[in-house]
Amino acid sequence: MVRRAVPGEPYSLDDGLGTRRIESDGRTHTEILELTPALAAQPVFEQAIRGRASRYADLDIRSFAPVRRLERAGSSMHIVSEMPAGVRLSDLLAHLESTGEVVSESAMLELSSLVINAVASLHTWPGGLAHGTISPAHVLLTNDGRIMLTDCVFGAGLEVLQRNREALWKEFGLAMPAAASLARFDQQADVTQMGALILAIILQRPMRAHEYPRGVSDLVVTATESSSVQGAPGSASALRMWLQEALQIHPRLAFRSAVEAQRSFVDIGSAPGSRRAGAMALQVLLRTTCGEPLNQPQVVMNPPMQAPPAQTPATPSAPVPDEKPSTLDSLIRSVFPKH
């Protein structure tokens, strides 16, 4: 069971950025991140994240946790963001690993599709916008069933520090594509980071430090061989190919944006009824992770994913028509009674 953050009590996400605390007035939640002294002491880092925060301030993206302000107090630097109630995927994966709880493949694929949708919603904007620091610690599954990306300003700051690929993985838990020169925190980097996150979701555990970048190719094969993907024939091999393209294992066969990755992911695990079953199982997982009873009102998850048209912003897909009631539906209704 995930331990909820206590208002005012410092905590760390082990993401290399600093120490956090939550403040709440009973209705809204605000997260204050105090940067590590090493990052706070670098003017180029501060300048870069201020520029990113200013550029992204007016974006109307529902999947972004808004950064409200950046505060300098002597040698300390604080980033203040809105933070809805929910569970970070790093906590969810740690919960699965520590408890041994096994979640259906349909639930993991549904969670994966929600993450891909959230990143694609940013990449559909003009101007080549990117997040830059996508990791399990920076993705929140909210209590109302949405995916929210947090810590969206730090990619610009980490880019100016000019760290190599191995250092970025070791220090900040960020997967990056191989590059002949210094790492760029662009949309292609977002896709690689998203690919590593989806791989962890399929594995139902956090990735180890030694598993990236050198061991990731073998890990993809292991994960998909043990996967029982519920979809069309060949879905497991399709998932393997998707992960290889997302993780840029073969640079010539790689997604360049999350929109491309989204279109390719649509048919994976989309057998009749699997999306609905996955959404319901994901709701159960969210509640068990938080130690909440299952007899609460139903949480509405995001609608199923559809690929957006070329060169146009992604739009919400139409709800899936109700299928003929089944034993599973009866069980779902008994666990999640209607209002």
Protein backbone atom coordinates (compact mmCIF):
# COMPACT_ATOMS: atom_id res chain seq x y z
CA MET A 1 0.00 0.00 0.00
CA VAL A 2 1.32 3.43 -0.97
CA ARG A 3 1.86 5.82 1.89
CA ARG A 4 0.14 9.10 1.11
CA ALA A 5 2.23 12.27 1.35
CA VAL A 6 1.52 14.08 4.60
CA PRO A 7 1.03 17.85 4.15
CA GLY A 8 4.15 19.68 5.25
CA GLU A 9 6.28 16.52 5.57
CA PRO A 10 9.30 16.38 3.21
CA TYR A 11 9.65 13.42 0.86
CA SER A 12 11.78 12.43 -2.11
CA LEU A 13 10.96 10.77 -5.43
CA ASP A 14 14.58 9.63 -5.85
CA ASP A 15 14.64 11.45 -9.18
CA GLY A 16 17.74 13.52 -8.49
CA LEU A 17 15.86 16.82 -8.47
CA GLY A 18 15.37 17.50 -4.78
CA THR A 19 13.04 17.27 -1.80
CA ARG A 20 9.30 17.88 -1.94
CA ARG A 21 6.42 18.64 0.35
CA ILE A 22 2.67 18.98 -0.12
CA GLU A 23 0.57 21.87 1.15
CA SER A 24 -3.22 21.61 1.18
CA ASP A 25 -6.15 23.80 2.16
CA GLY A 26 -8.52 20.84 2.14
CA ARG A 27 -9.66 21.45 -1.44
CA THR A 28 -6.52 21.95 -3.51
CA HIS A 29 -3.01 20.52 -3.25
CA THR A 30 0.25 22.31 -4.01
CA GLU A 31 3.64 20.64 -4.29
CA ILE A 32 6.79 22.57 -3.43
CA LEU A 33 10.00 21.11 -4.81
CA GLU A 34 13.26 22.37 -3.29
CA LEU A 35 16.02 21.72 -5.80
CA THR A 36 19.18 19.97 -4.69
CA PRO A 37 21.93 22.47 -3.79
CA ALA A 38 23.96 21.28 -6.79
CA LEU A 39 21.18 22.20 -9.23
CA ALA A 40 20.08 25.36 -7.41
CA ALA A 41 23.62 26.73 -7.51
CA GLN A 42 23.81 26.70 -11.32
CA PRO A 43 22.51 29.92 -12.94
CA VAL A 44 22.23 28.29 -16.38
CA PHE A 45 19.94 25.60 -14.95
CA GLU A 46 17.69 28.19 -13.29
CA GLN A 47 17.57 30.33 -16.41
CA ALA A 48 16.61 27.34 -18.55
CA ILE A 49 13.78 26.12 -16.32
CA ARG A 50 12.42 29.67 -15.96
CA GLY A 51 12.34 29.96 -19.73
CA ARG A 52 10.57 26.61 -20.05
CA ALA A 53 8.04 27.53 -17.34
CA SER A 54 7.28 30.81 -19.10
CA ARG A 55 6.87 29.11 -22.48
CA TYR A 56 4.53 26.43 -21.13
CA ALA A 57 2.55 28.67 -18.76
CA ASP A 58 -0.34 29.27 -21.17
CA LEU A 59 -0.64 25.76 -22.59
CA ASP A 60 -4.13 24.40 -22.08
CA ILE A 61 -3.12 20.74 -21.73
CA ARG A 62 -5.22 18.76 -19.30
CA SER A 63 -2.49 16.16 -18.86
CA PHE A 64 0.04 18.68 -17.49
CA ALA A 65 0.48 19.55 -13.81
CA PRO A 66 0.75 23.37 -14.01
CA VAL A 67 3.85 25.06 -12.60
CA ARG A 68 2.63 28.15 -10.77
CA ARG A 69 5.86 29.88 -9.84
CA LEU A 70 9.58 29.56 -9.28
CA GLU A 71 10.97 31.12 -6.12
CA ARG A 72 14.56 32.02 -5.29
CA ALA A 73 15.41 32.42 -1.58
CA GLY A 74 19.13 32.93 -1.12
CA SER A 75 20.85 29.73 -2.18
CA SER A 76 17.56 27.79 -2.31
CA MET A 77 15.31 27.35 -5.34
CA HIS A 78 11.67 26.23 -5.10
CA ILE A 79 9.27 25.15 -7.86
CA VAL A 80 5.60 25.37 -6.93
CA SER A 81 3.10 23.22 -8.87
CA GLU A 82 -0.53 22.18 -8.66
CA MET A 83 -0.86 18.52 -7.75
CA PRO A 84 -4.16 16.61 -7.88
CA ALA A 85 -4.75 13.60 -5.68
CA GLY A 86 -3.47 10.36 -7.15
CA VAL A 87 -0.65 7.83 -7.28
CA ARG A 88 2.67 8.30 -9.02
CA LEU A 89 3.57 5.39 -11.27
CA SER A 90 6.85 4.95 -9.40
CA ASP A 91 4.83 4.20 -6.26
CA LEU A 92 2.46 1.92 -8.15
CA LEU A 93 5.32 -0.11 -9.64
CA ALA A 94 7.06 -0.32 -6.25
CA HIS A 95 3.78 -1.53 -4.73
CA LEU A 96 3.46 -4.30 -7.33
CA GLU A 97 7.04 -5.41 -6.78
CA SER A 98 6.86 -5.40 -2.98
CA THR A 99 3.47 -7.12 -2.68
CA GLY A 100 3.81 -9.57 -5.56
CA GLU A 101 0.34 -8.54 -6.72
CA VAL A 102 -0.24 -9.62 -10.32
CA VAL A 103 -2.29 -7.34 -12.53
CA SER A 104 -3.90 -8.41 -15.79
CA GLU A 105 -2.15 -7.61 -19.06
CA SER A 106 -5.27 -5.73 -20.17
CA ALA A 107 -4.91 -3.36 -17.21
CA MET A 108 -1.24 -2.76 -17.96
CA LEU A 109 -2.00 -2.09 -21.63
CA GLU A 110 -4.78 0.29 -20.66
CA LEU A 111 -2.42 2.16 -18.34
CA SER A 112 0.17 2.23 -21.13
CA SER A 113 -2.30 3.68 -23.61
CA LEU A 114 -3.27 6.43 -21.14
CA VAL A 115 0.39 7.39 -20.73
CA ILE A 116 0.94 7.43 -24.50
CA ASN A 117 -2.17 9.59 -24.97
CA ALA A 118 -0.92 12.09 -22.40
CA VAL A 119 2.47 12.50 -24.07
CA ALA A 120 0.90 12.66 -27.54
CA SER A 121 -1.38 15.48 -26.36
CA LEU A 122 1.77 17.58 -25.88
CA HIS A 123 3.45 16.52 -29.11
CA THR A 124 0.43 17.50 -31.22
CA TRP A 125 1.02 21.17 -30.36
CA PRO A 126 2.98 23.20 -32.90
CA GLY A 127 6.55 24.18 -32.17
CA GLY A 128 8.00 20.78 -31.30
CA LEU A 129 7.08 20.99 -27.62
CA ALA A 130 8.61 18.30 -25.40
CA HIS A 131 8.50 17.29 -21.74
CA GLY A 132 12.06 16.05 -21.35
CA THR A 133 11.90 14.24 -18.00
CA ILE A 134 9.31 11.49 -18.39
CA SER A 135 9.83 8.78 -15.79
CA PRO A 136 7.59 6.76 -13.45
CA ALA A 137 8.18 9.38 -10.74
CA HIS A 138 6.85 12.13 -13.02
CA VAL A 139 3.63 10.46 -14.15
CA LEU A 140 0.56 10.60 -11.91
CA LEU A 141 -2.53 8.38 -12.13
CA THR A 142 -5.13 10.68 -10.63
CA ASN A 143 -8.05 9.61 -8.48
CA ASP A 144 -10.46 10.41 -11.32
CA GLY A 145 -8.60 8.08 -13.69
CA ARG A 146 -6.52 10.55 -15.70
CA ILE A 147 -2.82 10.54 -16.45
CA MET A 148 -1.02 13.74 -15.52
CA LEU A 149 2.59 14.54 -16.42
CA THR A 150 4.47 16.40 -13.69
CA ASP A 151 7.84 18.20 -13.52
CA CYS A 152 7.57 19.48 -17.08
CA VAL A 153 10.13 22.30 -16.80
CA PHE A 154 13.30 20.36 -16.03
CA GLY A 155 14.20 18.97 -19.45
CA ALA A 156 15.50 22.35 -20.56
CA GLY A 157 17.61 22.64 -17.40
CA LEU A 158 19.13 19.18 -17.67
CA GLU A 159 19.96 19.73 -21.33
CA VAL A 160 22.19 22.74 -20.56
CA LEU A 161 24.09 20.67 -17.97
CA GLN A 162 25.43 18.57 -20.86
CA ARG A 163 25.38 15.19 -19.10
CA ASN A 164 25.86 12.02 -21.10
CA ARG A 165 23.31 9.26 -21.56
CA GLU A 166 24.65 7.01 -18.82
CA ALA A 167 24.82 9.85 -16.26
CA LEU A 168 21.26 10.94 -16.99
CA TRP A 169 20.00 7.40 -16.37
CA LYS A 170 22.08 6.90 -13.23
CA GLU A 171 21.45 10.31 -11.64
CA PHE A 172 17.92 11.16 -12.78
CA GLY A 173 16.40 7.87 -13.99
CA LEU A 174 15.92 9.25 -17.50
CA ALA A 175 16.25 7.05 -20.58
CA MET A 176 17.73 8.85 -23.58
CA PRO A 177 18.31 7.83 -27.19
CA ALA A 178 21.86 7.16 -28.30
CA ALA A 179 23.46 10.24 -29.83
CA ALA A 180 26.77 11.08 -31.43
CA SER A 181 26.85 14.40 -29.58
CA LEU A 182 25.36 15.69 -26.34
CA ALA A 183 21.85 14.62 -25.36
CA ARG A 184 18.92 16.68 -26.65
CA PHE A 185 15.72 16.74 -24.62
CA ASP A 186 13.35 16.84 -27.58
CA GLN A 187 10.33 14.83 -28.66
CA GLN A 188 12.49 11.87 -29.62
CA ALA A 189 13.89 11.85 -26.07
CA ASP A 190 10.31 11.93 -24.77
CA VAL A 191 9.51 8.83 -26.83
CA THR A 192 12.55 6.97 -25.48
CA GLN A 193 11.65 7.91 -21.91
CA MET A 194 8.05 6.89 -22.53
CA GLY A 195 9.24 3.58 -23.99
CA ALA A 196 11.22 2.81 -20.84
CA LEU A 197 8.17 3.66 -18.75
CA ILE A 198 5.89 1.39 -20.79
CA LEU A 199 8.46 -1.41 -20.50
CA ALA A 200 8.39 -1.04 -16.70
CA ILE A 201 4.58 -1.14 -16.78
CA ILE A 202 4.62 -4.38 -18.80
CA LEU A 203 7.19 -5.84 -16.38
CA GLN A 204 5.03 -4.64 -13.46
CA ARG A 205 8.12 -3.44 -11.61
CA PRO A 206 10.68 -0.63 -11.71
CA MET A 207 13.59 -1.03 -14.09
CA ARG A 208 16.99 -1.72 -12.49
CA ALA A 209 19.97 0.58 -12.87
CA HIS A 210 21.93 -2.08 -14.78
CA GLU A 211 19.09 -2.81 -17.21
CA TYR A 212 19.54 0.40 -19.20
CA PRO A 213 20.90 1.20 -21.65
CA ARG A 214 23.00 -1.92 -22.31
CA GLY A 215 20.51 -4.56 -21.19
CA VAL A 216 17.32 -3.04 -22.55
CA SER A 217 17.19 -5.02 -25.81
CA ASP A 218 17.22 -8.37 -24.01
CA LEU A 219 14.76 -7.02 -21.43
CA VAL A 220 12.24 -6.15 -24.15
CA VAL A 221 12.40 -9.73 -25.46
CA THR A 222 12.01 -11.15 -21.95
CA ALA A 223 9.06 -8.90 -21.15
CA THR A 224 7.15 -9.67 -24.33
CA GLU A 225 7.86 -13.41 -24.24
CA SER A 226 6.28 -13.60 -20.81
CA SER A 227 3.40 -11.33 -21.81
CA SER A 228 -0.03 -12.78 -22.55
CA VAL A 229 -1.30 -9.81 -24.54
CA GLN A 230 -5.03 -9.99 -25.14
CA GLY A 231 -5.48 -8.80 -28.69
CA ALA A 232 -5.29 -9.82 -32.29
CA PRO A 233 -2.98 -12.67 -33.29
CA GLY A 234 0.61 -11.47 -33.15
CA SER A 235 -0.08 -8.82 -30.51
CA ALA A 236 2.87 -9.92 -28.38
CA SER A 237 5.28 -9.55 -31.30
CA ALA A 238 3.64 -6.23 -32.18
CA LEU A 239 4.23 -5.04 -28.62
CA ARG A 240 7.87 -6.11 -28.88
CA MET A 241 8.31 -4.18 -32.09
CA TRP A 242 6.58 -1.14 -30.59
CA LEU A 243 8.92 -1.17 -27.57
CA GLN A 244 11.97 -1.53 -29.82
CA GLU A 245 10.89 1.46 -31.90
CA ALA A 246 10.00 3.55 -28.86
CA LEU A 247 13.30 2.79 -27.14
CA GLN A 248 15.21 3.62 -30.35
CA ILE A 249 16.97 0.23 -30.22
CA HIS A 250 17.28 0.35 -34.01
CA PRO A 251 17.62 4.08 -34.83
CA ARG A 252 16.42 3.67 -38.42
CA LEU A 253 13.20 2.07 -37.14
CA ALA A 254 12.22 4.52 -34.43
CA PHE A 255 9.26 6.73 -33.56
CA ARG A 256 10.08 10.43 -33.85
CA SER A 257 7.18 11.61 -31.74
CA ALA A 258 4.54 10.29 -29.36
CA VAL A 259 1.92 10.86 -32.05
CA GLU A 260 3.61 8.23 -34.23
CA ALA A 261 3.89 5.93 -31.23
CA GLN A 262 0.23 6.48 -30.41
CA ARG A 263 -0.95 5.50 -33.87
CA SER A 264 1.16 2.34 -33.77
CA PHE A 265 -0.11 1.32 -30.33
CA VAL A 266 -3.83 1.50 -31.14
CA ASP A 267 -4.34 -2.12 -32.18
CA ILE A 268 -2.18 -3.72 -29.48
CA GLY A 269 -4.39 -5.40 -26.93
CA SER A 270 -7.60 -4.06 -28.46
CA ALA A 271 -9.58 -7.31 -28.53
CA PRO A 272 -13.33 -6.90 -27.92
CA GLY A 273 -13.96 -6.26 -24.25
CA SER A 274 -10.28 -6.06 -23.28
CA ARG A 275 -10.25 -2.26 -23.04
CA ARG A 276 -13.26 -2.24 -20.73
CA ALA A 277 -11.85 -5.08 -18.63
CA GLY A 278 -8.49 -3.32 -18.47
CA ALA A 279 -10.05 -0.05 -17.33
CA MET A 280 -11.97 -1.80 -14.58
CA ALA A 281 -8.92 -3.73 -13.41
CA LEU A 282 -6.93 -0.49 -13.38
CA GLN A 283 -9.52 1.10 -11.10
CA VAL A 284 -9.20 -1.82 -8.71
CA LEU A 285 -5.40 -1.50 -8.79
CA LEU A 286 -5.57 2.21 -8.01
CA ARG A 287 -7.70 1.55 -4.96
CA THR A 288 -5.75 -1.41 -3.63
CA THR A 289 -2.51 0.52 -4.07
CA CYS A 290 -3.93 3.30 -1.90
CA GLY A 291 -5.51 0.89 0.59
CA GLU A 292 -9.01 2.12 -0.25
CA PRO A 293 -12.16 -0.04 -0.12
CA LEU A 294 -13.55 -1.38 -3.38
CA ASN A 295 -17.18 -0.54 -2.60
CA GLN A 296 -16.80 3.15 -3.44
CA PRO A 297 -18.47 4.85 -6.43
CA GLN A 298 -16.96 4.08 -9.79
CA VAL A 299 -14.09 6.21 -11.08
CA VAL A 300 -14.42 7.16 -14.76
CA MET A 301 -11.30 6.33 -16.73
CA ASN A 302 -10.24 7.98 -19.99
CA PRO A 303 -12.03 6.77 -23.14
CA PRO A 304 -10.27 4.23 -25.36
CA MET A 305 -7.44 5.52 -27.51
CA GLN A 306 -7.71 6.29 -31.19
CA ALA A 307 -4.96 7.51 -33.46
CA PRO A 308 -5.30 11.23 -34.30
CA PRO A 309 -5.46 12.41 -37.92
CA ALA A 310 -2.15 13.53 -39.42
CA GLN A 311 -1.01 17.06 -38.53
CA THR A 312 -3.99 17.78 -36.29
CA PRO A 313 -4.29 17.90 -32.51
CA ALA A 314 -5.38 14.67 -30.88
CA THR A 315 -9.05 14.64 -29.96
CA PRO A 316 -10.84 12.47 -27.42
CA SER A 317 -12.09 9.26 -28.94
CA ALA A 318 -15.70 8.23 -28.85
CA PRO A 319 -16.83 6.00 -25.99
CA VAL A 320 -16.97 2.30 -26.75
CA PRO A 321 -20.57 1.07 -27.01
CA ASP A 322 -21.67 -1.19 -24.18
CA GLU A 323 -21.28 -4.83 -25.01
CA LYS A 324 -23.63 -7.63 -24.21
CA PRO A 325 -23.58 -8.21 -20.44
CA SER A 326 -21.20 -10.94 -19.36
CA THR A 327 -20.04 -12.56 -16.18
CA LEU A 328 -17.24 -9.97 -16.04
CA ASP A 329 -19.75 -7.13 -16.41
CA SER A 330 -21.84 -8.54 -13.60
CA LEU A 331 -18.77 -8.71 -11.38
CA ILE A 332 -17.80 -5.14 -12.31
CA ARG A 333 -21.28 -3.89 -11.41
CA SER A 334 -21.13 -5.62 -8.07
CA VAL A 335 -17.73 -4.05 -7.29
CA PHE A 336 -18.51 -0.61 -8.74
CA PRO A 337 -22.22 0.16 -8.17
CA LYS A 338 -23.72 2.97 -10.20
CA HIS A 339 -24.49 6.27 -8.49
